[in-house]
């Protein structure tokens, strides 16, 4: 059976845009997973993002199982991103006060961004998952600058309360590692993983 399509298990516009930028010959379908993203306190950052990305891909597989359409040739891609500062895992802020708290901790310091990708093949049931970590050096920020950034609304659905591809880029001094990993989907890692399923990017 031929590969039919790629299904992205994410409602993130950023991940959708990155995946579509690869100009794959296969059609891409977007299907949000809406899974419970809670994890045990003793999980490492790498395990958190790998298991959550896999959980998202598997959830979409379960949704497709009840669909009357034929999806057997599809490859599902799940992804997850977290920010880690001295062992503290930061997901998306609960509210503006939480966003201010996160940015207050991150300002002037180095943190890591972990992003994982999981590929689930409906044709063979094979699952492949991997992750990358990128070090981000954030500028010193005073409370008024943090307040203005939070007021922009950008931090509210972003891990660590900032978006490096948006206004948040002005808060970052430099990074060590993959830029797209910080955005939420490493194109370098994804292209290597797609090759394992005989899907070539270039």
N, C-alpha and C. Protein backbone atom coordinates (compact mmCIF):
# COMPACT_ATOMS: atom_id res chain seq x y z
N UNK A 1 0.83 -1.19 0.00
CA UNK A 1 0.00 0.00 0.00
C UNK A 1 0.87 1.25 0.00
N UNK A 2 0.49 2.22 -0.79
CA UNK A 2 1.25 3.46 -0.87
C UNK A 2 0.94 4.36 0.32
N UNK A 3 1.93 5.19 0.64
CA UNK A 3 1.72 6.19 1.68
C UNK A 3 0.67 7.19 1.19
N UNK A 4 -0.39 7.40 1.99
CA UNK A 4 -1.48 8.26 1.56
C UNK A 4 -1.28 9.72 1.96
N UNK A 5 -0.97 9.94 3.22
CA UNK A 5 -0.88 11.32 3.71
C UNK A 5 -0.17 11.36 5.05
N UNK A 6 0.14 12.57 5.48
CA UNK A 6 0.70 12.81 6.80
C UNK A 6 -0.36 13.54 7.62
N UNK A 7 -0.57 13.08 8.84
CA UNK A 7 -1.55 13.70 9.73
C UNK A 7 -0.80 14.32 10.90
N UNK A 8 -0.93 15.63 11.07
CA UNK A 8 -0.29 16.33 12.18
C UNK A 8 -1.26 16.37 13.36
N UNK A 9 -0.87 15.73 14.45
CA UNK A 9 -1.73 15.66 15.65
C UNK A 9 -1.54 16.91 16.50
N UNK A 10 -1.86 18.05 15.92
CA UNK A 10 -1.64 19.32 16.63
C UNK A 10 -2.51 20.41 16.03
N UNK A 11 -3.01 21.29 16.90
CA UNK A 11 -3.76 22.45 16.42
C UNK A 11 -2.87 23.69 16.37
N UNK A 12 -1.57 23.53 16.66
CA UNK A 12 -0.64 24.65 16.70
C UNK A 12 -0.41 25.22 15.30
N UNK A 13 -0.73 26.49 15.08
CA UNK A 13 -0.46 27.11 13.78
C UNK A 13 1.03 27.12 13.46
N UNK A 14 1.86 27.23 14.49
CA UNK A 14 3.31 27.25 14.27
C UNK A 14 3.79 25.92 13.71
N UNK A 15 3.35 24.82 14.31
CA UNK A 15 3.77 23.51 13.82
C UNK A 15 3.19 23.22 12.43
N UNK A 16 1.97 23.66 12.20
CA UNK A 16 1.38 23.47 10.88
C UNK A 16 2.20 24.19 9.82
N UNK A 17 2.57 25.43 10.10
CA UNK A 17 3.35 26.22 9.15
C UNK A 17 4.71 25.59 8.88
N UNK A 18 5.36 25.11 9.95
CA UNK A 18 6.68 24.49 9.78
C UNK A 18 6.59 23.22 8.95
N UNK A 19 5.60 22.38 9.24
CA UNK A 19 5.45 21.14 8.47
C UNK A 19 5.18 21.44 7.00
N UNK A 20 4.30 22.41 6.75
CA UNK A 20 3.97 22.75 5.36
C UNK A 20 5.14 23.39 4.63
N UNK A 21 6.09 23.98 5.37
CA UNK A 21 7.25 24.60 4.74
C UNK A 21 8.19 23.57 4.11
N UNK A 22 8.02 22.30 4.46
CA UNK A 22 8.86 21.25 3.89
C UNK A 22 8.45 20.90 2.45
N UNK A 23 7.29 21.40 2.02
CA UNK A 23 6.81 21.15 0.66
C UNK A 23 6.78 19.66 0.32
N UNK A 24 6.23 18.88 1.23
CA UNK A 24 6.15 17.44 1.02
C UNK A 24 5.20 17.12 -0.14
N UNK A 25 5.50 16.04 -0.84
CA UNK A 25 4.64 15.65 -1.95
C UNK A 25 3.33 15.03 -1.44
N UNK A 26 3.33 14.58 -0.20
CA UNK A 26 2.12 13.99 0.38
C UNK A 26 1.21 15.08 0.95
N UNK A 27 -0.10 14.88 0.86
CA UNK A 27 -1.00 15.84 1.48
C UNK A 27 -0.88 15.80 3.00
N UNK A 28 -1.12 16.93 3.63
CA UNK A 28 -1.03 17.04 5.09
C UNK A 28 -2.42 17.34 5.65
N UNK A 29 -2.84 16.56 6.63
CA UNK A 29 -4.11 16.78 7.31
C UNK A 29 -3.84 17.18 8.75
N UNK A 30 -4.60 18.14 9.26
CA UNK A 30 -4.46 18.60 10.64
C UNK A 30 -5.56 17.98 11.48
N UNK A 31 -5.19 17.39 12.61
CA UNK A 31 -6.18 16.75 13.48
C UNK A 31 -5.73 16.90 14.92
N UNK A 32 -6.40 17.77 15.67
CA UNK A 32 -6.02 18.01 17.06
C UNK A 32 -6.28 16.77 17.91
N UNK A 33 -5.39 16.54 18.87
CA UNK A 33 -5.50 15.33 19.69
C UNK A 33 -6.27 15.56 20.98
N UNK A 34 -6.14 16.75 21.58
CA UNK A 34 -6.86 17.10 22.81
C UNK A 34 -6.67 16.08 23.93
N UNK A 35 -5.43 15.72 24.21
CA UNK A 35 -5.15 14.72 25.24
C UNK A 35 -4.87 15.39 26.59
N UNK A 36 -4.95 14.60 27.63
CA UNK A 36 -4.54 15.03 28.96
C UNK A 36 -3.02 15.13 28.96
N UNK A 37 -2.48 16.30 29.29
CA UNK A 37 -1.04 16.50 29.22
C UNK A 37 -0.38 16.45 30.60
N UNK A 38 -1.07 15.92 31.59
CA UNK A 38 -0.47 15.77 32.91
C UNK A 38 0.53 14.61 32.90
N UNK A 39 1.61 14.73 33.69
CA UNK A 39 2.64 13.70 33.76
C UNK A 39 3.11 13.53 35.20
N UNK A 40 3.67 12.38 35.53
CA UNK A 40 4.21 12.17 36.88
C UNK A 40 5.34 13.14 37.19
N UNK A 41 5.46 13.51 38.45
CA UNK A 41 6.46 14.49 38.87
C UNK A 41 7.89 13.99 38.69
N UNK A 42 8.08 12.68 38.67
CA UNK A 42 9.44 12.15 38.60
C UNK A 42 9.93 11.91 37.17
N UNK A 43 9.13 12.28 36.17
CA UNK A 43 9.58 12.11 34.78
C UNK A 43 10.62 13.17 34.44
N UNK A 44 11.63 12.78 33.67
CA UNK A 44 12.64 13.72 33.19
C UNK A 44 12.03 14.58 32.08
N UNK A 45 12.61 15.76 31.79
CA UNK A 45 12.10 16.58 30.68
C UNK A 45 12.03 15.82 29.36
N UNK A 46 13.05 15.03 29.08
CA UNK A 46 13.06 14.27 27.83
C UNK A 46 11.90 13.28 27.79
N UNK A 47 11.65 12.60 28.91
CA UNK A 47 10.55 11.63 28.95
C UNK A 47 9.21 12.32 28.82
N UNK A 48 9.07 13.50 29.45
CA UNK A 48 7.81 14.23 29.36
C UNK A 48 7.45 14.54 27.91
N UNK A 49 8.38 15.16 27.17
CA UNK A 49 8.04 15.56 25.80
C UNK A 49 7.89 14.35 24.88
N UNK A 50 8.70 13.31 25.08
CA UNK A 50 8.59 12.14 24.22
C UNK A 50 7.26 11.41 24.47
N UNK A 51 6.90 11.24 25.73
CA UNK A 51 5.66 10.52 26.02
C UNK A 51 4.42 11.33 25.64
N UNK A 52 4.48 12.65 25.81
CA UNK A 52 3.33 13.46 25.42
C UNK A 52 3.16 13.51 23.91
N UNK A 53 4.26 13.60 23.18
CA UNK A 53 4.15 13.61 21.72
C UNK A 53 3.60 12.27 21.22
N UNK A 54 4.03 11.20 21.87
CA UNK A 54 3.51 9.88 21.51
C UNK A 54 2.04 9.74 21.90
N UNK A 55 1.69 10.30 23.06
CA UNK A 55 0.29 10.25 23.51
C UNK A 55 -0.62 10.97 22.53
N UNK A 56 -0.15 12.10 22.00
CA UNK A 56 -0.95 12.86 21.04
C UNK A 56 -1.13 12.08 19.74
N UNK A 57 -0.05 11.48 19.25
CA UNK A 57 -0.14 10.71 18.00
C UNK A 57 -1.04 9.50 18.17
N UNK A 58 -0.92 8.81 19.30
CA UNK A 58 -1.76 7.64 19.56
C UNK A 58 -3.23 8.01 19.70
N UNK A 59 -3.49 9.18 20.28
CA UNK A 59 -4.88 9.63 20.43
C UNK A 59 -5.53 9.85 19.07
N UNK A 60 -4.78 10.41 18.15
CA UNK A 60 -5.30 10.60 16.79
C UNK A 60 -5.50 9.25 16.11
N UNK A 61 -4.58 8.32 16.35
CA UNK A 61 -4.76 6.97 15.80
C UNK A 61 -6.07 6.36 16.28
N UNK A 62 -6.41 6.55 17.56
CA UNK A 62 -7.66 6.02 18.09
C UNK A 62 -8.87 6.71 17.45
N UNK A 63 -8.76 8.01 17.23
CA UNK A 63 -9.86 8.73 16.58
C UNK A 63 -10.09 8.22 15.16
N UNK A 64 -8.98 7.94 14.47
CA UNK A 64 -9.09 7.46 13.08
C UNK A 64 -9.65 6.05 13.00
N UNK A 65 -9.47 5.28 14.07
CA UNK A 65 -9.95 3.90 14.08
C UNK A 65 -11.47 3.84 13.96
N UNK A 66 -12.15 4.90 14.43
CA UNK A 66 -13.61 4.93 14.35
C UNK A 66 -14.12 5.67 13.11
N UNK A 67 -13.18 6.13 12.30
CA UNK A 67 -13.53 6.85 11.07
C UNK A 67 -13.74 5.85 9.94
N UNK A 68 -14.77 6.06 9.16
CA UNK A 68 -15.09 5.14 8.07
C UNK A 68 -14.12 5.26 6.89
N UNK A 69 -13.40 6.37 6.82
CA UNK A 69 -12.46 6.54 5.72
C UNK A 69 -11.24 5.63 5.91
N UNK A 70 -10.56 5.36 4.82
CA UNK A 70 -9.36 4.52 4.86
C UNK A 70 -8.14 5.39 5.16
N UNK A 71 -7.53 5.17 6.31
CA UNK A 71 -6.35 5.93 6.70
C UNK A 71 -5.11 5.05 6.84
N UNK A 72 -5.18 3.82 6.34
CA UNK A 72 -4.12 2.85 6.61
C UNK A 72 -2.74 3.25 6.08
N UNK A 73 -2.71 4.09 5.08
CA UNK A 73 -1.42 4.51 4.53
C UNK A 73 -0.89 5.79 5.13
N UNK A 74 -1.48 6.23 6.23
CA UNK A 74 -1.12 7.52 6.81
C UNK A 74 -0.01 7.41 7.86
N UNK A 75 0.73 8.50 8.00
CA UNK A 75 1.74 8.63 9.06
C UNK A 75 1.32 9.77 9.96
N UNK A 76 1.16 9.49 11.25
CA UNK A 76 0.74 10.51 12.21
C UNK A 76 1.97 11.10 12.88
N UNK A 77 2.00 12.42 13.00
CA UNK A 77 3.09 13.11 13.67
C UNK A 77 2.55 13.84 14.89
N UNK A 78 3.10 13.52 16.06
CA UNK A 78 2.76 14.22 17.29
C UNK A 78 3.98 14.99 17.77
N UNK A 79 3.78 16.09 18.48
CA UNK A 79 4.91 16.89 18.97
C UNK A 79 4.55 17.54 20.29
N UNK A 80 5.57 17.80 21.10
CA UNK A 80 5.35 18.47 22.38
C UNK A 80 6.59 19.28 22.73
N UNK A 81 6.37 20.40 23.44
CA UNK A 81 7.45 21.31 23.82
C UNK A 81 7.29 21.77 25.26
N UNK A 82 8.39 21.79 25.99
CA UNK A 82 8.39 22.36 27.34
C UNK A 82 9.64 23.23 27.52
N UNK A 83 9.57 24.12 28.47
CA UNK A 83 10.70 24.95 28.88
C UNK A 83 11.15 24.48 30.27
N UNK A 84 12.45 24.35 30.46
CA UNK A 84 12.97 23.87 31.74
C UNK A 84 14.02 24.84 32.27
N UNK A 85 13.82 25.29 33.50
CA UNK A 85 14.78 26.18 34.17
C UNK A 85 15.16 25.56 35.51
N UNK A 86 16.42 25.15 35.61
CA UNK A 86 16.93 24.55 36.85
C UNK A 86 16.00 23.44 37.37
N UNK A 87 15.54 22.61 36.45
CA UNK A 87 14.71 21.48 36.83
C UNK A 87 13.22 21.77 36.89
N UNK A 88 12.82 23.05 36.87
CA UNK A 88 11.40 23.39 36.87
C UNK A 88 10.86 23.35 35.45
N UNK A 89 9.83 22.55 35.26
CA UNK A 89 9.21 22.41 33.95
C UNK A 89 8.13 23.47 33.79
N UNK A 90 8.21 24.22 32.72
CA UNK A 90 7.23 25.27 32.44
C UNK A 90 6.45 24.93 31.17
N UNK A 91 5.17 24.75 31.34
CA UNK A 91 4.31 24.56 30.18
C UNK A 91 3.71 25.91 29.79
N UNK A 92 2.45 25.89 29.37
CA UNK A 92 1.77 27.14 29.01
C UNK A 92 1.27 27.81 30.30
N UNK A 93 1.34 29.13 30.37
CA UNK A 93 0.88 29.83 31.58
C UNK A 93 -0.62 29.68 31.78
N UNK A 94 -1.02 29.60 33.05
CA UNK A 94 -2.45 29.47 33.37
C UNK A 94 -3.19 30.79 33.14
N UNK A 95 -2.50 31.90 33.42
CA UNK A 95 -3.10 33.22 33.28
C UNK A 95 -1.97 34.24 33.17
N UNK A 96 -2.32 35.52 33.14
CA UNK A 96 -1.30 36.55 32.97
C UNK A 96 -0.34 36.61 34.15
N UNK A 97 -0.83 36.38 35.34
CA UNK A 97 0.03 36.39 36.52
C UNK A 97 1.07 35.27 36.42
N UNK A 98 0.64 34.11 35.92
CA UNK A 98 1.56 32.99 35.76
C UNK A 98 2.59 33.29 34.67
N UNK A 99 2.16 33.97 33.62
CA UNK A 99 3.08 34.35 32.54
C UNK A 99 4.14 35.32 33.07
N UNK A 100 3.71 36.28 33.89
CA UNK A 100 4.66 37.22 34.48
C UNK A 100 5.65 36.49 35.39
N UNK A 101 5.14 35.52 36.14
CA UNK A 101 6.00 34.74 37.03
C UNK A 101 7.05 33.98 36.24
N UNK A 102 6.63 33.32 35.16
CA UNK A 102 7.56 32.55 34.34
C UNK A 102 8.65 33.44 33.75
N UNK A 103 8.22 34.55 33.16
CA UNK A 103 9.18 35.45 32.51
C UNK A 103 10.12 36.08 33.54
N UNK A 104 9.61 36.32 34.73
CA UNK A 104 10.45 36.86 35.79
C UNK A 104 11.55 35.89 36.18
N UNK A 105 11.23 34.59 36.16
CA UNK A 105 12.24 33.58 36.46
C UNK A 105 13.23 33.41 35.31
N UNK A 106 12.74 33.49 34.08
CA UNK A 106 13.59 33.23 32.91
C UNK A 106 14.52 34.39 32.58
N UNK A 107 14.12 35.61 32.89
CA UNK A 107 14.87 36.79 32.45
C UNK A 107 16.30 36.77 33.01
N UNK A 108 17.24 37.07 32.11
CA UNK A 108 18.65 37.14 32.48
C UNK A 108 19.32 35.81 32.74
N UNK A 109 18.63 34.73 32.40
CA UNK A 109 19.17 33.40 32.72
C UNK A 109 19.16 32.50 31.48
N UNK A 110 19.79 31.34 31.64
CA UNK A 110 19.82 30.33 30.57
C UNK A 110 18.83 29.22 30.93
N UNK A 111 18.01 28.84 29.97
CA UNK A 111 17.10 27.71 30.18
C UNK A 111 17.16 26.78 28.97
N UNK A 112 16.53 25.63 29.10
CA UNK A 112 16.49 24.67 28.01
C UNK A 112 15.07 24.53 27.48
N UNK A 113 14.96 24.37 26.18
CA UNK A 113 13.68 24.05 25.55
C UNK A 113 13.78 22.64 24.98
N UNK A 114 12.90 21.77 25.46
CA UNK A 114 12.84 20.39 24.97
C UNK A 114 11.63 20.25 24.05
N UNK A 115 11.87 19.72 22.87
CA UNK A 115 10.76 19.40 21.96
C UNK A 115 10.97 17.99 21.43
N UNK A 116 9.88 17.24 21.40
CA UNK A 116 9.94 15.86 20.89
C UNK A 116 8.99 15.71 19.72
N UNK A 117 9.30 14.72 18.90
CA UNK A 117 8.47 14.36 17.75
C UNK A 117 8.21 12.86 17.81
N UNK A 118 6.97 12.48 17.62
CA UNK A 118 6.61 11.06 17.56
C UNK A 118 5.95 10.78 16.21
N UNK A 119 6.38 9.71 15.58
CA UNK A 119 5.79 9.28 14.31
C UNK A 119 5.14 7.91 14.51
N UNK A 120 3.87 7.82 14.18
CA UNK A 120 3.13 6.57 14.30
C UNK A 120 2.62 6.19 12.91
N UNK A 121 3.06 5.04 12.43
CA UNK A 121 2.73 4.58 11.08
C UNK A 121 1.50 3.68 11.13
N UNK A 122 0.42 4.12 10.50
CA UNK A 122 -0.80 3.31 10.48
C UNK A 122 -0.67 2.09 9.58
N UNK A 123 0.31 2.11 8.70
CA UNK A 123 0.51 1.00 7.79
C UNK A 123 1.15 -0.20 8.48
N UNK A 124 2.13 0.07 9.34
CA UNK A 124 2.90 -1.01 9.98
C UNK A 124 2.77 -1.03 11.50
N UNK A 125 2.12 -0.01 12.08
CA UNK A 125 2.00 0.17 13.54
C UNK A 125 3.33 0.53 14.19
N UNK A 126 4.34 0.83 13.39
CA UNK A 126 5.64 1.22 13.94
C UNK A 126 5.57 2.60 14.57
N UNK A 127 6.26 2.76 15.70
CA UNK A 127 6.32 4.04 16.41
C UNK A 127 7.78 4.44 16.59
N UNK A 128 8.08 5.69 16.23
CA UNK A 128 9.43 6.24 16.42
C UNK A 128 9.29 7.58 17.13
N UNK A 129 10.07 7.78 18.18
CA UNK A 129 10.00 9.03 18.93
C UNK A 129 11.41 9.50 19.27
N UNK A 130 11.63 10.81 19.21
CA UNK A 130 12.94 11.37 19.53
C UNK A 130 12.76 12.82 19.98
N UNK A 131 13.80 13.40 20.56
CA UNK A 131 13.71 14.78 21.03
C UNK A 131 15.04 15.51 20.86
N UNK A 132 14.98 16.82 20.96
CA UNK A 132 16.16 17.68 20.99
C UNK A 132 16.00 18.67 22.14
N UNK A 133 17.13 19.17 22.62
CA UNK A 133 17.12 20.23 23.63
C UNK A 133 17.94 21.39 23.11
N UNK A 134 17.43 22.60 23.28
CA UNK A 134 18.11 23.82 22.85
C UNK A 134 18.26 24.75 24.05
N UNK A 135 19.46 25.29 24.22
CA UNK A 135 19.70 26.24 25.32
C UNK A 135 19.38 27.65 24.85
N UNK A 136 18.59 28.36 25.64
CA UNK A 136 18.17 29.71 25.30
C UNK A 136 18.70 30.69 26.36
N UNK A 137 19.41 31.70 25.89
CA UNK A 137 19.94 32.75 26.78
C UNK A 137 19.00 33.95 26.69
N UNK A 138 18.28 34.23 27.75
CA UNK A 138 17.33 35.34 27.73
C UNK A 138 17.96 36.61 28.31
N UNK A 139 17.59 37.73 27.73
CA UNK A 139 18.11 39.02 28.18
C UNK A 139 17.57 39.35 29.58
N UNK A 140 18.28 40.19 30.31
CA UNK A 140 17.71 40.74 31.54
C UNK A 140 16.50 41.61 31.18
N UNK A 141 15.41 41.45 31.90
CA UNK A 141 14.18 42.18 31.60
C UNK A 141 13.64 42.82 32.87
N UNK A 142 13.28 44.10 32.80
CA UNK A 142 12.67 44.70 33.98
C UNK A 142 11.17 44.42 33.96
N UNK A 143 10.51 44.70 35.07
CA UNK A 143 9.10 44.34 35.23
C UNK A 143 8.20 45.05 34.23
N UNK A 144 8.55 46.28 33.84
CA UNK A 144 7.70 47.00 32.89
C UNK A 144 7.76 46.37 31.51
N UNK A 145 8.93 45.88 31.12
CA UNK A 145 9.04 45.22 29.82
C UNK A 145 8.28 43.90 29.82
N UNK A 146 8.39 43.16 30.91
CA UNK A 146 7.64 41.92 31.04
C UNK A 146 6.14 42.21 30.97
N UNK A 147 5.71 43.26 31.65
CA UNK A 147 4.29 43.63 31.68
C UNK A 147 3.80 43.97 30.28
N UNK A 148 4.59 44.71 29.52
CA UNK A 148 4.18 45.07 28.16
C UNK A 148 4.09 43.83 27.27
N UNK A 149 5.02 42.90 27.45
CA UNK A 149 4.99 41.69 26.62
C UNK A 149 3.77 40.83 26.97
N UNK A 150 3.49 40.69 28.24
CA UNK A 150 2.32 39.92 28.66
C UNK A 150 1.05 40.57 28.12
N UNK A 151 1.01 41.90 28.15
CA UNK A 151 -0.17 42.63 27.66
C UNK A 151 -0.40 42.43 26.16
N UNK A 152 0.65 42.05 25.43
CA UNK A 152 0.49 41.80 23.98
C UNK A 152 -0.35 40.55 23.72
N UNK A 153 -0.47 39.69 24.73
CA UNK A 153 -1.25 38.46 24.57
C UNK A 153 -0.46 37.28 24.01
N UNK A 154 0.72 37.54 23.48
CA UNK A 154 1.50 36.48 22.84
C UNK A 154 1.89 35.34 23.78
N UNK A 155 2.22 35.60 25.04
CA UNK A 155 2.71 34.52 25.89
C UNK A 155 1.68 33.47 26.29
N UNK A 156 0.39 33.75 26.11
CA UNK A 156 -0.62 32.98 26.81
C UNK A 156 -0.77 31.53 26.36
N UNK A 157 -0.39 31.18 25.15
CA UNK A 157 -0.50 29.78 24.73
C UNK A 157 0.86 29.21 24.35
N UNK A 158 1.92 29.74 24.98
CA UNK A 158 3.28 29.32 24.64
C UNK A 158 3.97 28.71 25.87
N UNK A 159 4.68 27.63 25.66
CA UNK A 159 5.47 27.04 26.74
C UNK A 159 6.51 28.04 27.21
N UNK A 160 6.59 28.26 28.53
CA UNK A 160 7.53 29.22 29.06
C UNK A 160 7.09 30.66 28.91
N UNK A 161 5.89 30.87 28.36
CA UNK A 161 5.28 32.20 28.22
C UNK A 161 6.01 33.13 27.25
N UNK A 162 6.64 32.56 26.22
CA UNK A 162 7.22 33.42 25.18
C UNK A 162 7.28 32.68 23.85
N UNK A 163 7.30 33.44 22.77
CA UNK A 163 7.36 32.88 21.42
C UNK A 163 8.58 33.44 20.71
N UNK A 164 9.57 32.61 20.48
CA UNK A 164 10.81 33.09 19.87
C UNK A 164 10.59 33.52 18.42
N UNK A 165 9.52 33.03 17.79
CA UNK A 165 9.25 33.39 16.40
C UNK A 165 8.41 34.66 16.30
N UNK A 166 8.05 35.24 17.45
CA UNK A 166 7.25 36.45 17.45
C UNK A 166 7.95 37.58 18.18
N UNK A 167 7.17 38.35 18.95
CA UNK A 167 7.76 39.43 19.75
C UNK A 167 8.76 38.91 20.76
N UNK A 168 8.58 37.66 21.16
CA UNK A 168 9.50 37.05 22.13
C UNK A 168 10.93 37.00 21.64
N UNK A 169 11.14 37.11 20.35
CA UNK A 169 12.51 37.12 19.80
C UNK A 169 13.30 38.30 20.37
N UNK A 170 12.62 39.38 20.71
CA UNK A 170 13.31 40.55 21.25
C UNK A 170 13.77 40.35 22.69
N UNK A 171 13.29 39.29 23.32
CA UNK A 171 13.66 39.00 24.71
C UNK A 171 14.86 38.06 24.79
N UNK A 172 15.21 37.46 23.66
CA UNK A 172 16.27 36.43 23.63
C UNK A 172 17.58 37.02 23.13
N UNK A 173 18.65 36.76 23.86
CA UNK A 173 19.98 37.21 23.44
C UNK A 173 20.54 36.28 22.37
N UNK A 174 20.61 34.98 22.67
CA UNK A 174 21.03 34.00 21.67
C UNK A 174 20.66 32.60 22.13
N UNK A 175 20.81 31.64 21.22
CA UNK A 175 20.49 30.24 21.54
C UNK A 175 21.67 29.35 21.16
N UNK A 176 21.73 28.20 21.78
CA UNK A 176 22.68 27.15 21.42
C UNK A 176 21.88 25.93 21.01
N UNK A 177 21.83 25.67 19.70
CA UNK A 177 21.07 24.53 19.22
C UNK A 177 20.09 24.93 18.13
N UNK A 178 19.09 24.09 17.94
CA UNK A 178 18.13 24.23 16.84
C UNK A 178 17.07 25.29 17.15
N UNK A 179 16.98 26.30 16.29
CA UNK A 179 15.98 27.36 16.45
C UNK A 179 14.56 26.79 16.35
N UNK A 180 14.32 25.96 15.35
CA UNK A 180 12.97 25.44 15.14
C UNK A 180 12.53 24.52 16.28
N UNK A 181 13.48 23.97 17.00
CA UNK A 181 13.15 23.18 18.18
C UNK A 181 12.49 24.06 19.24
N UNK A 182 12.95 25.32 19.33
CA UNK A 182 12.36 26.27 20.28
C UNK A 182 10.96 26.68 19.82
N UNK A 183 10.78 26.81 18.52
CA UNK A 183 9.46 27.14 17.98
C UNK A 183 8.47 26.00 18.25
N UNK A 184 8.98 24.76 18.25
CA UNK A 184 8.11 23.64 18.59
C UNK A 184 8.16 22.44 17.67
N UNK A 185 8.96 22.52 16.59
CA UNK A 185 9.06 21.39 15.67
C UNK A 185 10.39 21.49 14.92
N UNK A 186 11.38 20.71 15.36
CA UNK A 186 12.68 20.75 14.70
C UNK A 186 12.58 20.15 13.30
N UNK A 187 12.80 20.97 12.28
CA UNK A 187 12.72 20.47 10.90
C UNK A 187 13.88 19.53 10.60
N UNK A 188 15.02 19.75 11.22
CA UNK A 188 16.16 18.86 11.02
C UNK A 188 15.86 17.47 11.58
N UNK A 189 15.35 17.42 12.81
CA UNK A 189 15.01 16.13 13.41
C UNK A 189 13.87 15.47 12.66
N UNK A 190 12.85 16.24 12.30
CA UNK A 190 11.70 15.67 11.61
C UNK A 190 12.10 15.07 10.26
N UNK A 191 12.96 15.76 9.52
CA UNK A 191 13.37 15.23 8.20
C UNK A 191 14.11 13.90 8.35
N UNK A 192 14.93 13.79 9.40
CA UNK A 192 15.63 12.52 9.64
C UNK A 192 14.64 11.42 10.00
N UNK A 193 13.65 11.74 10.79
CA UNK A 193 12.66 10.73 11.20
C UNK A 193 11.78 10.32 10.02
N UNK A 194 11.44 11.26 9.15
CA UNK A 194 10.62 10.92 7.98
C UNK A 194 11.36 9.96 7.05
N UNK A 195 12.68 10.11 6.99
CA UNK A 195 13.47 9.19 6.16
C UNK A 195 13.33 7.74 6.62
N UNK A 196 13.12 7.55 7.91
CA UNK A 196 12.94 6.20 8.44
C UNK A 196 11.66 5.55 7.91
N UNK A 197 10.76 6.39 7.39
CA UNK A 197 9.51 5.89 6.81
C UNK A 197 9.51 6.09 5.29
N UNK A 198 10.72 6.25 4.74
CA UNK A 198 10.89 6.40 3.29
C UNK A 198 10.19 7.63 2.74
N UNK A 199 10.13 8.70 3.53
CA UNK A 199 9.59 9.96 3.08
C UNK A 199 10.73 10.95 2.99
N UNK A 200 11.08 11.36 1.78
CA UNK A 200 12.20 12.27 1.59
C UNK A 200 11.72 13.70 1.53
N UNK A 201 12.49 14.58 2.19
CA UNK A 201 12.18 16.01 2.15
C UNK A 201 12.85 16.65 0.94
N UNK A 202 14.18 16.44 0.80
CA UNK A 202 14.90 16.89 -0.38
C UNK A 202 15.84 15.77 -0.82
